[in-house]
Every structure is written in structure tokens, then in C-alpha cells.
Protein backbone atom coordinates (compact mmCIF):
# COMPACT_ATOMS: atom_id res chain seq x y z
CA MET A 1 15.80 -9.92 8.44
CA GLY A 2 15.43 -10.45 4.71
CA MET A 3 13.18 -8.49 2.38
CA LYS A 4 10.55 -11.29 2.38
CA GLU A 5 10.24 -11.09 6.20
CA VAL A 6 10.11 -7.29 6.12
CA VAL A 7 7.31 -7.31 3.49
CA GLU A 8 5.45 -9.99 5.54
CA GLU A 9 5.69 -7.70 8.59
CA LEU A 10 4.38 -4.70 6.57
CA ASN A 11 1.51 -6.71 5.13
CA GLY A 12 0.69 -8.15 8.54
CA MET A 13 0.41 -4.69 10.03
CA ILE A 14 -1.93 -3.64 7.21
CA LEU A 15 -4.11 -6.72 7.83
CA GLN A 16 -4.26 -5.83 11.53
CA GLY A 17 -5.55 -2.36 10.74
CA LYS A 18 -2.22 -0.68 11.35
CA ALA A 19 -1.72 0.78 7.93
CA MET A 20 -0.52 4.18 9.15
CA GLU A 21 1.86 2.60 11.64
CA ALA A 22 3.24 0.49 8.79
CA PHE A 23 3.56 3.61 6.66
CA GLU A 24 5.61 5.38 9.33
CA LYS A 25 7.87 2.34 9.85
CA PHE A 26 8.48 1.17 6.27
CA TYR A 27 8.36 4.20 3.93
CA SER A 28 11.34 6.41 3.20
CA GLU A 29 11.24 10.15 3.75
CA ASP A 30 11.54 10.74 -0.04
CA VAL A 31 9.09 7.96 -1.09
CA VAL A 32 7.39 8.35 -4.47
CA MET A 33 3.89 6.85 -4.64
CA GLN A 34 1.60 6.64 -7.66
CA GLU A 35 -1.96 5.44 -8.44
CA ASN A 36 -2.15 3.86 -11.88
CA SER A 37 -1.01 6.46 -14.46
CA GLU A 38 -1.75 9.53 -12.27
CA GLU A 39 1.01 12.00 -11.40
CA PRO A 40 3.36 10.57 -8.71
CA ARG A 41 3.29 11.99 -5.19
CA VAL A 42 6.75 12.77 -3.82
CA GLY A 43 7.75 12.76 -0.19
CA LYS A 44 6.55 11.11 2.94
CA GLU A 45 4.54 14.12 4.19
CA VAL A 46 2.52 14.42 0.94
CA ASN A 47 1.80 10.72 0.93
CA ARG A 48 0.98 10.65 4.60
CA GLU A 49 -1.73 13.20 3.99
CA PHE A 50 -2.98 11.33 0.94
CA GLU A 51 -3.31 8.14 2.97
CA LYS A 52 -5.02 9.91 5.88
CA GLN A 53 -7.51 11.48 3.51
CA PHE A 54 -8.23 8.11 1.90
CA MET A 55 -8.70 6.42 5.29
CA SER A 56 -10.99 9.26 6.53
CA ASN A 57 -13.34 8.55 3.54
CA VAL A 58 -13.76 4.92 4.46
CA GLN A 59 -16.84 4.13 6.49
CA GLU A 60 -16.22 0.36 6.87
CA PHE A 61 -13.56 -2.15 5.91
CA HIS A 62 -15.44 -5.34 5.18
CA SER A 63 -12.36 -7.27 4.23
CA ALA A 64 -8.82 -7.00 2.97
CA LYS A 65 -7.02 -10.10 1.77
CA LEU A 66 -3.44 -10.50 0.60
CA ILE A 67 -3.67 -12.99 -2.25
CA LYS A 68 -0.01 -13.33 -3.24
CA SER A 69 3.37 -11.73 -2.89
CA ALA A 70 6.25 -12.04 -5.31
CA PHE A 71 9.86 -10.81 -5.09
CA SER A 72 12.51 -9.89 -7.67
CA ASP A 73 15.66 -11.96 -7.80
CA ASP A 74 17.77 -9.04 -6.66
CA GLY A 75 15.62 -8.52 -3.59
CA ASN A 76 14.76 -4.95 -4.30
CA VAL A 77 11.22 -5.23 -5.64
CA ALA A 78 8.11 -6.74 -4.07
CA MET A 79 4.69 -7.15 -5.64
CA ASN A 80 1.60 -7.63 -3.52
CA TYR A 81 -1.80 -8.66 -4.93
CA TRP A 82 -4.65 -7.51 -2.69
CA GLU A 83 -8.46 -7.89 -2.77
CA MET A 84 -10.47 -5.38 -0.77
CA ASP A 85 -14.07 -4.70 0.11
CA LEU A 86 -14.83 -1.22 1.44
CA THR A 87 -17.80 1.04 1.97
CA PHE A 88 -17.06 4.70 1.67
CA LYS A 89 -18.75 7.50 3.58
CA ASP A 90 -20.82 8.40 0.53
CA GLY A 91 -22.48 4.96 0.97
CA LYS A 92 -20.82 3.34 -2.08
CA ARG A 93 -19.46 -0.14 -1.55
CA LYS A 94 -16.46 -1.12 -3.62
CA LYS A 95 -14.82 -4.50 -4.11
CA SER A 96 -11.51 -4.15 -5.80
CA ALA A 97 -8.29 -5.97 -6.66
CA GLN A 98 -4.97 -4.20 -6.84
CA VAL A 99 -1.30 -4.88 -7.22
CA ALA A 100 1.19 -2.81 -5.33
CA VAL A 101 4.66 -2.77 -6.79
CA GLN A 102 7.24 -1.66 -4.23
CA GLU A 103 10.89 -0.74 -4.73
CA TRP A 104 12.90 -1.13 -1.51
CA LYS A 105 16.26 0.31 -0.41
CA ASP A 106 17.87 -0.05 3.02
CA GLY A 107 14.71 -1.62 4.49
CA LYS A 108 12.40 1.16 3.33
CA ILE A 109 10.02 1.60 0.39
CA VAL A 110 11.40 4.26 -1.92
CA ARG A 111 8.81 3.88 -4.66
CA GLU A 112 5.33 2.34 -4.73
CA ARG A 113 2.89 2.14 -7.61
CA PHE A 114 -0.66 0.77 -7.40
CA PHE A 115 -2.38 -0.82 -10.35
CA TYR A 116 -6.17 -1.32 -10.23
CA ASN A 117 -9.41 -0.70 -12.11
CA PRO A 118 -10.52 2.74 -10.92
CA ASN A 119 -14.24 2.10 -11.54
């Protein structure tokens, strides 16, 4: 399976509401993840807890839509452009767009950085 198919499987799992299952399957043990210019989070355990905390703050997923994916010529980088509409447990509804830039090695994400407007 090529990188495009692997990324499509990952994104499909996210769209099916299986984000944590996708995380377990496709992220390396030493993954580095980063939100905008914040400090990177290192390691799967740290990032797993971050993702669980984020998900626990979501009251309702109204929609998540993958707009476009792009891939580097060398097959090691994928970029996914998402639009999401969420309501958080504090009652605030947020519509956002983000780009996730993923570096892949041996079928796993080793680095992922998210770019979005934090407001």
C-alpha cells in the first residue's frame, strides 16, 4: 500500500469517528506533534493524553470535512486541509479550518504540525 492509500485510510477513520483508533494505528511511538507555534509534544503517550483531553472537551461534532490532501514528491510528507464545526462543553461553537502537515516513515507518522487560526 502506498502513502496515498495509507493517508486515505487514516483520514477515512477520522471521518468515521475513529480518531483514537487511527492514532493508535498510524502514529509512531516517538511522534512529535505541534499546534501552530506552540512547544512540540514528544512521544505517543503524551500526545495520546492530549488528544483524549481535546476529545473530552467536545460536546458535539457537527461536521468534519476533508477538503484536500497533497503529497510530497518523495512520498514522505502529506498535507491535509480540513474544515470542522464543533461545539465544546463550555457551549462555544467553533467553525475552523486547519492544515495538518505529516511526516511519515515506515508507514507511521513521526511528526505532525497543525496550522490554524486559534481564535
